[in-house]
Amino acid sequence: MQLRKQSQLFTAIATLLLTTPLWATNGYFTHGTGTKNKGMAGSGLAMPEDAISVANNPAAALATAGKYDVGIAVFSPSRSYKSGDSLANGQGGAFTIGPNDLKSDNNYFFIPHMAGAWKIDDKSAWAVSFYGKGGMNSTWNGGTATFDPDGPGPAPVTTFPGTFGGGIVGNKGAAGVDLSQAFLEFSYARSAGDKFTWGVSLIGVMQVFAARGLAAFGGFTETFARSIVTGGGPVPVPNLTNNGHDKSFGYGGKVGFQFDLTEKVAFAASYQTRINMGRFKDYADLFAQQGGFDIPPDLKAGITFRPNPGLALNFDVEKIWYGDVASIANPVRNVYACPTAGLGGTDLSSCFGGSNGGGFGWQDMTVYKIGTQWSSGNDWTWRAGFAHADAPIPENEVMFNILAPATIEDHLTFGFTRALPSGNEWSMAFMYAFNSKITGPANPANPLVTGNPFDPTQTISINMDQWEVEFGFGWR
């Protein structure tokens, strides 16, 4: 009966996670996984205490065997952008946004997780975990864009509704994206002596994505450009925007270890491979490599120092290789080489959807985390943490990143756990991500030239702040 109830709970949380658009904080990765981990700003890799710790390091399965936990976060990101005045204002082939000053709608999301760990024998254990690790969401209602809808054709420069001139799309906003990622992991851990434990995980991932209001980019896609180059004339671009939610599935792996150097000092590290995802076929004209959107590799390392049994001090580092994934890392200016961009380009692969197609221009990210945990009596445990990283968006990539304004750099967190007489426990974590702004040119090119696809006379700023409250429950 207990196993059946746990299975029903797992199914309910899985359904909620897969239907909830997420927004993450370190690029599009979360600042931590698990309520206790989030209370210390994602630090504490070397001090696993609950079953969801295996999502950070599979070696944690042995230390947390016999434990189960569930949690849900209320997450609220505040996103906005402002585009300045333009000298070009759509003339000379320029694509001008606004001037607009907008805040994104959809500011509250629910993000669940759950995990359980079971002992096999005195030296080994296994665990299963289900959680959301990354995602993005933006919904820009209103705004305008000014451009020449048919390039050098007879139609005049016109101002269209929507951030990217894509019009109003039902009640879903004029422009925006939704991305959710759900991770299911099966982990195995084994000790090699009294002080060293290693672990491995098999990871399955489901992604859900939708884009709206991007029809104005149709002329810069590989599908459209190929038809022009081959003399076939303009063709529809069916897999660019407004196609609802598309799904992709993928798999990868994770390895990690826990090394208790002394009774007071522990070190841990884990590495997640690149997750090979299926293509978003309904958005094959948007993302590079015909809809490719793999999940980048990720490395974590942490050290914990316990000066006394009631106090723990953590220092962790995380490296995320966003630059390994073309659709995330390729600069949007790659599209300038597209034959239909008006700059004399001849490279079809550089158009949107091509193997070298324009993307968000994100750089790799290194996150530094410090955290502490201390006890006050037998029933209460308290936590606090701080994390810093440089945002992955360069100043000359702000235009396309209106869709994904991942500007956050600093997180401040605190949390607590209340132990119950039954042995169960309630935990809470609060996070505030300080407002961070990135300002840059809509187009990094210098002079205004005829056919320039984006406006070099305009400045755009994107910014965001966030808060999150998570509640977790653990039992044996």
Protein backbone atom coordinates (compact mmCIF):
# COMPACT_ATOMS: atom_id res chain seq x y z
CA MET A 1 0.00 0.00 0.00
CA GLN A 2 2.83 2.42 0.88
CA LEU A 3 4.58 1.67 -2.45
CA ARG A 4 1.31 2.30 -4.31
CA LYS A 5 0.85 5.67 -2.60
CA GLN A 6 4.44 6.65 -3.46
CA SER A 7 3.82 5.65 -7.08
CA GLN A 8 0.65 7.78 -7.22
CA LEU A 9 2.53 10.73 -5.72
CA PHE A 10 5.34 10.31 -8.25
CA THR A 11 2.84 10.32 -11.15
CA ALA A 12 1.12 13.46 -9.88
CA ILE A 13 4.39 15.37 -9.49
CA ALA A 14 5.65 14.18 -12.89
CA THR A 15 2.48 15.46 -14.55
CA LEU A 16 2.77 18.83 -12.82
CA LEU A 17 6.44 19.24 -13.74
CA LEU A 18 5.95 18.37 -17.41
CA THR A 19 3.11 20.87 -17.81
CA THR A 20 4.78 23.77 -15.95
CA PRO A 21 6.96 26.30 -17.80
CA LEU A 22 10.05 26.97 -15.72
CA TRP A 23 12.51 29.80 -15.48
CA ALA A 24 15.96 29.09 -14.11
CA THR A 25 18.59 31.34 -12.63
CA ASN A 26 22.13 30.36 -13.72
CA GLY A 27 21.50 30.83 -17.40
CA TYR A 28 18.60 28.43 -17.71
CA PHE A 29 19.83 26.00 -15.01
CA THR A 30 18.40 26.21 -11.48
CA HIS A 31 20.53 27.66 -8.68
CA GLY A 32 20.19 24.38 -6.76
CA THR A 33 18.24 21.12 -6.56
CA GLY A 34 16.41 20.15 -3.39
CA THR A 35 15.12 22.35 -0.58
CA LYS A 36 18.18 22.03 1.66
CA ASN A 37 20.58 22.56 -1.24
CA LYS A 38 18.69 25.68 -2.35
CA GLY A 39 18.78 27.08 1.17
CA MET A 40 22.58 27.23 0.81
CA ALA A 41 22.53 28.78 -2.71
CA GLY A 42 23.25 25.42 -4.33
CA SER A 43 26.29 24.65 -2.17
CA GLY A 44 26.74 21.57 0.00
CA LEU A 45 27.64 18.98 -2.64
CA ALA A 46 29.92 17.32 -0.08
CA MET A 47 27.24 17.07 2.64
CA PRO A 48 24.32 15.03 1.21
CA GLU A 49 21.41 14.86 3.65
CA ASP A 50 18.28 13.94 1.67
CA ALA A 51 17.38 11.67 -1.21
CA ILE A 52 17.19 14.46 -3.83
CA SER A 53 20.92 15.00 -3.22
CA VAL A 54 21.50 12.31 -5.88
CA ALA A 55 20.35 14.86 -8.48
CA ASN A 56 23.52 16.79 -7.66
CA ASN A 57 25.82 13.79 -7.09
CA PRO A 58 24.89 10.11 -7.62
CA ALA A 59 27.39 9.10 -4.92
CA ALA A 60 24.91 10.54 -2.39
CA ALA A 61 22.64 7.49 -2.77
CA LEU A 62 24.55 5.50 -0.14
CA ALA A 63 24.60 8.28 2.48
CA THR A 64 20.86 8.97 2.04
CA ALA A 65 19.60 5.37 1.64
CA GLY A 66 16.26 4.84 3.36
CA LYS A 67 15.14 8.43 2.87
CA TYR A 68 12.38 9.93 0.71
CA ASP A 69 11.50 13.53 0.04
CA VAL A 70 9.17 15.69 -2.02
CA GLY A 71 9.08 19.42 -2.51
CA ILE A 72 7.45 22.23 -4.44
CA ALA A 73 8.69 25.74 -5.17
CA VAL A 74 6.77 28.91 -5.93
CA PHE A 75 8.99 30.80 -8.36
CA SER A 76 8.51 34.41 -9.49
CA PRO A 77 10.78 36.01 -12.09
CA SER A 78 10.27 39.65 -13.08
CA ARG A 79 11.51 40.26 -16.64
CA SER A 80 11.51 43.48 -18.63
CA TYR A 81 13.19 45.12 -21.58
CA LYS A 82 13.51 48.62 -23.00
CA SER A 83 14.45 49.52 -26.55
CA GLY A 84 15.65 53.06 -27.21
CA ASP A 85 15.05 55.49 -30.04
CA SER A 86 16.40 54.63 -33.48
CA LEU A 87 17.91 56.75 -36.24
CA ALA A 88 17.12 54.07 -38.82
CA ASN A 89 13.54 53.31 -37.70
CA GLY A 90 13.16 50.43 -40.14
CA GLN A 91 14.84 52.20 -43.08
CA GLY A 92 17.74 50.77 -45.09
CA GLY A 93 16.69 47.20 -44.32
CA ALA A 94 17.02 47.68 -40.55
CA PHE A 95 14.80 45.71 -38.16
CA THR A 96 13.82 48.18 -35.41
CA ILE A 97 12.18 47.10 -32.14
CA GLY A 98 9.88 49.76 -30.71
CA PRO A 99 10.89 51.92 -28.98
CA ASN A 100 9.25 49.67 -26.38
CA ASP A 101 9.25 49.50 -22.58
CA LEU A 102 7.62 46.21 -21.54
CA LYS A 103 7.33 43.81 -18.64
CA SER A 104 6.73 40.12 -19.28
CA ASP A 105 3.48 38.50 -18.14
CA ASN A 106 3.26 35.09 -16.41
CA ASN A 107 5.25 35.76 -13.24
CA TYR A 108 4.38 32.78 -11.02
CA PHE A 109 5.35 29.14 -11.55
CA PHE A 110 5.23 25.94 -9.49
CA ILE A 111 8.24 23.61 -9.66
CA PRO A 112 8.07 20.20 -7.91
CA HIS A 113 10.65 17.51 -7.19
CA MET A 114 10.77 14.08 -5.55
CA ALA A 115 13.31 11.35 -4.80
CA GLY A 116 13.89 8.12 -2.90
CA ALA A 117 17.01 6.09 -2.04
CA TRP A 118 17.26 2.40 -1.07
CA LYS A 119 20.08 0.39 0.41
CA ILE A 120 21.20 -2.74 -1.45
CA ASP A 121 23.76 -3.87 1.12
CA ASP A 122 26.25 -2.23 3.48
CA LYS A 123 28.38 -1.03 0.57
CA SER A 124 25.87 -0.05 -2.13
CA ALA A 125 22.57 1.71 -2.74
CA TRP A 126 20.36 2.94 -5.54
CA ALA A 127 18.04 5.92 -5.94
CA VAL A 128 15.50 7.46 -8.27
CA SER A 129 14.87 11.19 -8.60
CA PHE A 130 12.55 13.36 -10.65
CA TYR A 131 12.98 17.13 -10.91
CA GLY A 132 13.11 20.20 -13.14
CA LYS A 133 16.56 21.60 -13.78
CA GLY A 134 16.12 24.20 -16.46
CA GLY A 135 13.74 26.26 -18.51
CA MET A 136 12.74 29.68 -19.69
CA ASN A 137 9.56 31.64 -20.20
CA SER A 138 8.75 35.07 -21.60
CA THR A 139 5.42 36.58 -22.64
CA TRP A 140 5.71 40.06 -24.16
CA ASN A 141 2.27 41.59 -24.70
CA GLY A 142 2.21 44.81 -26.71
CA GLY A 143 5.10 46.65 -28.30
CA THR A 144 5.88 47.21 -31.97
CA ALA A 145 8.57 46.49 -34.55
CA THR A 146 9.28 48.50 -37.72
CA PHE A 147 10.78 46.96 -40.85
CA ASP A 148 10.30 46.48 -44.61
CA PRO A 149 8.13 43.33 -44.88
CA ASP A 150 9.31 42.38 -48.37
CA GLY A 151 12.87 43.68 -48.35
CA PRO A 152 13.60 45.49 -51.63
CA GLY A 153 10.06 44.79 -52.87
CA PRO A 154 7.30 47.35 -53.41
CA ALA A 155 5.79 47.25 -49.90
CA PRO A 156 6.76 50.26 -47.74
CA VAL A 157 8.45 50.21 -44.33
CA THR A 158 5.65 49.43 -41.87
CA THR A 159 5.19 49.28 -38.10
CA PHE A 160 3.70 45.98 -36.92
CA PRO A 161 2.32 44.98 -33.48
CA GLY A 162 4.41 42.81 -31.22
CA THR A 163 8.00 42.89 -29.97
CA PHE A 164 9.24 41.23 -33.16
CA GLY A 165 6.37 42.40 -35.36
CA GLY A 166 4.64 39.03 -35.26
CA GLY A 167 1.22 40.36 -34.28
CA ILE A 168 -0.99 39.18 -31.44
CA VAL A 169 -1.17 35.38 -31.08
CA GLY A 170 -4.52 34.66 -29.43
CA ASN A 171 -4.26 35.30 -25.71
CA LYS A 172 -0.68 34.02 -25.55
CA GLY A 173 1.03 37.37 -26.04
CA ALA A 174 2.62 39.01 -29.04
CA ALA A 175 6.00 37.28 -28.61
CA GLY A 176 7.67 34.85 -26.25
CA VAL A 177 8.90 31.34 -25.55
CA ASP A 178 8.21 28.49 -23.12
CA LEU A 179 10.84 25.85 -22.30
CA SER A 180 10.49 23.16 -19.64
CA GLN A 181 12.88 20.32 -18.82
CA ALA A 182 12.01 17.30 -16.70
CA PHE A 183 14.77 14.95 -15.53
CA LEU A 184 14.33 11.33 -14.43
CA GLU A 185 17.47 9.74 -12.94
CA PHE A 186 18.35 6.24 -11.78
CA SER A 187 21.46 6.32 -9.60
CA TYR A 188 23.78 3.69 -8.15
CA ALA A 189 26.43 4.29 -5.48
CA ARG A 190 29.09 2.05 -3.95
CA SER A 191 31.69 2.57 -1.27
CA ALA A 192 35.37 1.84 -1.82
CA GLY A 193 36.66 1.86 1.72
CA ASP A 194 35.44 3.83 4.70
CA LYS A 195 36.05 7.28 3.24
CA PHE A 196 35.37 7.05 -0.51
CA THR A 197 32.09 6.50 -2.36
CA TRP A 198 31.49 6.67 -6.11
CA GLY A 199 28.25 6.81 -8.06
CA VAL A 200 26.76 6.79 -11.55
CA SER A 201 23.39 7.85 -12.96
CA LEU A 202 21.42 7.13 -16.08
CA ILE A 203 19.46 10.25 -17.04
CA GLY A 204 16.32 10.55 -19.15
CA VAL A 205 15.04 13.98 -20.11
CA MET A 206 11.89 15.37 -21.67
CA GLN A 207 11.81 18.91 -23.06
CA VAL A 208 8.75 20.93 -24.03
CA PHE A 209 9.11 24.11 -26.09
CA ALA A 210 6.90 26.72 -27.76
CA ALA A 211 7.62 30.02 -29.53
CA ARG A 212 5.25 32.81 -30.55
CA GLY A 213 5.37 35.99 -32.59
CA LEU A 214 8.56 35.34 -34.60
CA ALA A 215 7.13 35.27 -38.13
CA ALA A 216 9.17 38.34 -39.14
CA PHE A 217 12.33 36.16 -39.07
CA GLY A 218 10.92 33.86 -41.77
CA GLY A 219 12.92 35.56 -44.51
CA PHE A 220 16.18 34.74 -42.70
CA THR A 221 15.56 30.99 -42.39
CA GLU A 222 17.37 28.27 -44.32
CA THR A 223 14.06 27.01 -45.70
CA PHE A 224 13.18 30.39 -47.21
CA ALA A 225 16.69 31.29 -48.37
CA ARG A 226 17.17 27.96 -50.12
CA SER A 227 14.01 28.48 -52.14
CA ILE A 228 15.23 31.92 -53.27
CA VAL A 229 18.77 30.77 -54.12
CA THR A 230 17.49 27.85 -56.18
CA GLY A 231 15.07 30.10 -58.09
CA GLY A 232 11.96 28.48 -56.74
CA GLY A 233 10.51 31.69 -55.37
CA PRO A 234 9.27 32.44 -51.83
CA VAL A 235 7.86 29.52 -49.84
CA PRO A 236 6.09 29.28 -46.47
CA VAL A 237 8.22 28.66 -43.40
CA PRO A 238 6.10 26.21 -41.40
CA ASN A 239 8.42 25.34 -38.50
CA LEU A 240 9.42 28.74 -37.13
CA THR A 241 6.75 30.02 -34.77
CA ASN A 242 3.20 29.66 -33.39
CA ASN A 243 3.17 25.85 -33.56
CA GLY A 244 2.16 25.23 -29.96
CA HIS A 245 4.24 23.03 -27.65
CA ASP A 246 6.63 20.53 -29.19
CA LYS A 247 8.36 17.73 -27.27
CA SER A 248 11.81 16.17 -27.48
CA PHE A 249 13.41 13.32 -25.54
CA GLY A 250 17.01 12.53 -24.73
CA TYR A 251 19.44 10.71 -22.49
CA GLY A 252 22.81 11.14 -20.82
CA GLY A 253 24.81 10.14 -17.78
CA LYS A 254 26.38 11.44 -14.59
CA VAL A 255 29.33 10.31 -12.49
CA GLY A 256 30.42 11.51 -9.08
CA PHE A 257 32.27 10.75 -5.89
CA GLN A 258 32.28 11.63 -2.19
CA PHE A 259 35.60 11.67 -0.30
CA ASP A 260 35.52 12.19 3.48
CA LEU A 261 39.10 13.30 4.03
CA THR A 262 38.71 13.61 7.82
CA GLU A 263 35.84 13.82 10.28
CA LYS A 264 35.76 17.56 9.64
CA VAL A 265 36.55 17.88 5.94
CA ALA A 266 34.77 16.32 2.94
CA PHE A 267 35.18 16.80 -0.80
CA ALA A 268 32.80 15.84 -3.61
CA ALA A 269 32.52 16.28 -7.36
CA SER A 270 30.14 15.25 -10.13
CA TYR A 271 30.02 15.57 -13.90
CA GLN A 272 26.94 15.42 -16.09
CA THR A 273 27.52 14.60 -19.74
CA ARG A 274 26.00 16.51 -22.60
CA ILE A 275 22.39 15.32 -22.91
CA ASN A 276 21.67 14.32 -26.49
CA MET A 277 18.13 15.50 -27.23
CA GLY A 278 15.88 14.83 -30.18
CA ARG A 279 15.16 17.80 -32.42
CA PHE A 280 12.21 20.14 -32.02
CA LYS A 281 10.72 19.36 -35.43
CA ASP A 282 8.01 22.00 -35.10
CA TYR A 283 10.77 24.61 -34.63
CA ALA A 284 13.33 23.29 -37.12
CA ASP A 285 13.36 26.71 -38.84
CA LEU A 286 14.23 28.51 -35.59
CA PHE A 287 16.97 26.58 -33.77
CA ALA A 288 20.35 25.76 -35.30
CA GLN A 289 20.88 22.25 -36.68
CA GLN A 290 17.24 21.97 -37.80
CA GLY A 291 15.74 22.27 -34.34
CA GLY A 292 18.60 20.93 -32.21
CA PHE A 293 18.55 21.85 -28.52
CA ASP A 294 20.87 19.57 -26.54
CA ILE A 295 21.53 20.17 -22.83
CA PRO A 296 25.12 21.28 -22.14
CA PRO A 297 27.54 19.38 -19.89
CA ASP A 298 27.88 20.46 -16.29
CA LEU A 299 30.62 20.00 -13.64
CA LYS A 300 30.22 20.54 -9.90
CA ALA A 301 32.81 20.38 -7.11
CA GLY A 302 32.46 21.25 -3.44
CA ILE A 303 34.23 21.11 -0.10
CA THR A 304 32.59 21.07 3.33
CA PHE A 305 34.32 21.98 6.59
CA ARG A 306 32.72 21.07 9.93
CA PRO A 307 34.50 22.92 12.77
CA ASN A 308 32.05 21.30 15.22
CA PRO A 309 29.14 18.83 14.89
CA GLY A 310 26.53 21.62 14.72
CA LEU A 311 28.16 23.80 12.05
CA ALA A 312 29.06 23.22 8.40
CA LEU A 313 30.75 25.64 5.96
CA ASN A 314 30.61 24.99 2.20
CA PHE A 315 32.40 26.30 -0.86
CA ASP A 316 31.24 24.98 -4.24
CA VAL A 317 31.96 25.72 -7.90
CA GLU A 318 29.83 24.82 -10.92
CA LYS A 319 30.83 25.04 -14.60
CA ILE A 320 28.16 24.98 -17.33
CA TRP A 321 29.34 24.64 -20.94
CA TYR A 322 26.63 26.54 -22.81
CA GLY A 323 29.15 27.11 -25.59
CA ASP A 324 28.96 23.43 -26.55
CA VAL A 325 25.39 23.70 -27.89
CA ALA A 326 25.03 25.54 -31.23
CA SER A 327 21.44 26.74 -30.77
CA ILE A 328 22.39 28.33 -27.44
CA ALA A 329 25.92 29.56 -28.22
CA ASN A 330 25.86 30.67 -31.87
CA PRO A 331 25.69 34.48 -32.10
CA VAL A 332 22.58 35.83 -33.81
CA ARG A 333 24.81 37.81 -36.19
CA ASN A 334 25.66 34.49 -37.91
CA VAL A 335 22.48 35.18 -39.86
CA TYR A 336 24.25 38.09 -41.63
CA ALA A 337 25.89 35.45 -43.88
CA CYS A 338 22.45 34.15 -44.92
CA PRO A 339 21.81 34.90 -48.63
CA THR A 340 18.52 36.70 -47.86
CA ALA A 341 19.96 38.96 -45.14
CA GLY A 342 20.88 41.59 -47.72
CA LEU A 343 24.58 41.74 -46.88
CA GLY A 344 25.86 39.67 -49.77
CA GLY A 345 26.08 36.43 -47.81
CA THR A 346 26.03 33.06 -49.55
CA ASP A 347 26.08 30.60 -46.65
CA LEU A 348 22.74 28.81 -46.28
CA SER A 349 23.96 27.04 -43.14
CA SER A 350 24.14 30.40 -41.32
CA CYS A 351 20.42 31.11 -41.74
CA PHE A 352 18.05 30.37 -38.87
CA GLY A 353 17.60 26.60 -38.66
CA GLY A 354 20.90 25.91 -40.47
CA SER A 355 23.79 23.94 -39.02
CA ASN A 356 25.51 27.22 -38.12
CA GLY A 357 22.32 29.21 -37.66
CA GLY A 358 21.99 32.20 -35.40
CA GLY A 359 21.24 31.58 -31.74
CA PHE A 360 21.37 33.34 -28.38
CA GLY A 361 25.14 33.86 -28.26
CA TRP A 362 25.52 32.53 -24.71
CA GLN A 363 28.95 31.95 -23.20
CA ASP A 364 30.07 29.29 -20.71
CA MET A 365 29.18 30.03 -17.11
CA THR A 366 31.11 29.48 -13.85
CA VAL A 367 29.11 29.77 -10.62
CA TYR A 368 30.76 30.30 -7.21
CA LYS A 369 28.70 29.31 -4.17
CA ILE A 370 29.19 29.64 -0.43
CA GLY A 371 26.82 28.31 2.19
CA THR A 372 26.51 27.44 5.82
CA GLN A 373 24.32 25.22 7.98
CA TRP A 374 24.03 25.31 11.76
CA SER A 375 21.84 23.64 14.38
CA SER A 376 20.02 25.21 17.32
CA GLY A 377 18.95 22.34 19.51
CA ASN A 378 17.78 18.95 18.28
CA ASP A 379 14.78 20.17 16.29
CA TRP A 380 15.90 23.16 14.21
CA THR A 381 18.57 23.47 11.51
CA TRP A 382 19.26 26.78 9.75
CA ARG A 383 20.91 27.59 6.41
CA ALA A 384 22.14 30.57 4.40
CA GLY A 385 24.08 31.02 1.18
CA PHE A 386 25.26 33.30 -1.59
CA ALA A 387 26.14 32.54 -5.21
CA HIS A 388 27.72 34.65 -7.97
CA ALA A 389 28.31 34.16 -11.68
CA ASP A 390 28.73 36.40 -14.70
CA ALA A 391 25.61 36.30 -16.89
CA PRO A 392 26.08 34.23 -20.07
CA ILE A 393 24.76 36.97 -22.39
CA PRO A 394 27.36 39.29 -24.01
CA GLU A 395 26.40 42.96 -24.41
CA ASN A 396 26.21 42.60 -28.19
CA GLU A 397 23.61 39.79 -28.00
CA VAL A 398 20.75 41.56 -26.22
CA MET A 399 18.33 41.77 -29.17
CA PHE A 400 17.53 38.07 -29.58
CA ASN A 401 17.82 37.51 -25.82
CA ILE A 402 14.67 39.53 -25.26
CA LEU A 403 13.18 36.04 -25.62
CA ALA A 404 15.45 34.65 -22.89
CA PRO A 405 16.70 37.48 -20.63
CA ALA A 406 19.01 35.38 -18.45
CA THR A 407 20.69 38.34 -16.77
CA ILE A 408 20.86 37.07 -13.17
CA GLU A 409 24.30 37.04 -11.49
CA ASP A 410 23.80 37.10 -7.68
CA HIS A 411 21.62 34.93 -5.43
CA LEU A 412 21.03 35.31 -1.70
CA THR A 413 19.34 32.42 0.11
CA PHE A 414 18.31 31.17 3.53
CA GLY A 415 16.30 28.21 4.85
CA PHE A 416 15.56 25.90 7.73
CA THR A 417 14.47 22.37 8.66
CA ARG A 418 12.14 21.46 11.50
CA ALA A 419 12.54 17.86 12.68
CA LEU A 420 9.38 16.17 13.98
CA PRO A 421 9.18 13.62 16.82
CA SER A 422 8.19 10.98 14.26
CA GLY A 423 11.53 11.35 12.49
CA ASN A 424 9.98 13.16 9.52
CA GLU A 425 10.95 16.75 8.75
CA TRP A 426 9.74 19.93 7.08
CA SER A 427 12.15 22.21 5.23
CA MET A 428 11.89 25.64 3.63
CA ALA A 429 14.22 27.63 1.39
CA PHE A 430 13.96 31.24 0.18
CA MET A 431 15.96 32.74 -2.68
CA TYR A 432 16.24 36.30 -3.92
CA ALA A 433 18.13 36.99 -7.15
CA PHE A 434 19.20 40.63 -7.32
CA ASN A 435 18.12 42.75 -10.27
CA SER A 436 20.67 42.61 -13.07
CA LYS A 437 20.62 44.51 -16.38
CA ILE A 438 22.47 44.03 -19.66
CA THR A 439 22.53 46.88 -22.19
CA GLY A 440 23.91 46.79 -25.69
CA PRO A 441 23.33 47.54 -29.36
CA ALA A 442 20.54 45.83 -31.26
CA ASN A 443 23.21 45.10 -33.87
CA PRO A 444 26.95 45.11 -33.14
CA ALA A 445 27.80 46.14 -36.71
CA ASN A 446 29.19 49.67 -37.01
CA PRO A 447 27.77 51.56 -40.03
CA LEU A 448 24.18 51.46 -41.21
CA VAL A 449 24.29 49.63 -44.53
CA THR A 450 21.46 48.79 -46.91
CA GLY A 451 19.96 45.44 -46.07
CA ASN A 452 21.33 45.27 -42.53
CA PRO A 453 18.97 42.76 -40.84
CA PHE A 454 19.03 44.35 -37.38
CA ASP A 455 19.13 48.02 -36.37
CA PRO A 456 22.67 49.25 -35.53
CA THR A 457 21.40 52.65 -34.37
CA GLN A 458 19.32 51.30 -31.49
CA THR A 459 20.21 50.34 -27.91
CA ILE A 460 18.31 47.65 -25.96
CA SER A 461 18.46 46.77 -22.27
CA ILE A 462 17.07 43.59 -20.70
CA ASN A 463 16.82 42.98 -16.98
CA MET A 464 15.38 40.61 -14.40
CA ASP A 465 15.09 39.90 -10.69
CA GLN A 466 13.58 36.81 -9.05
CA TRP A 467 12.41 35.27 -5.83
CA GLU A 468 11.51 31.72 -4.89
CA VAL A 469 10.05 29.96 -1.87
CA GLU A 470 10.33 26.17 -1.70
CA PHE A 471 8.82 23.76 0.80
CA GLY A 472 10.04 20.19 1.23
CA PHE A 473 8.96 17.18 3.27
CA GLY A 474 11.23 14.25 4.09
CA TRP A 475 10.52 10.91 5.69
CA ARG A 476 11.99 7.46 6.23
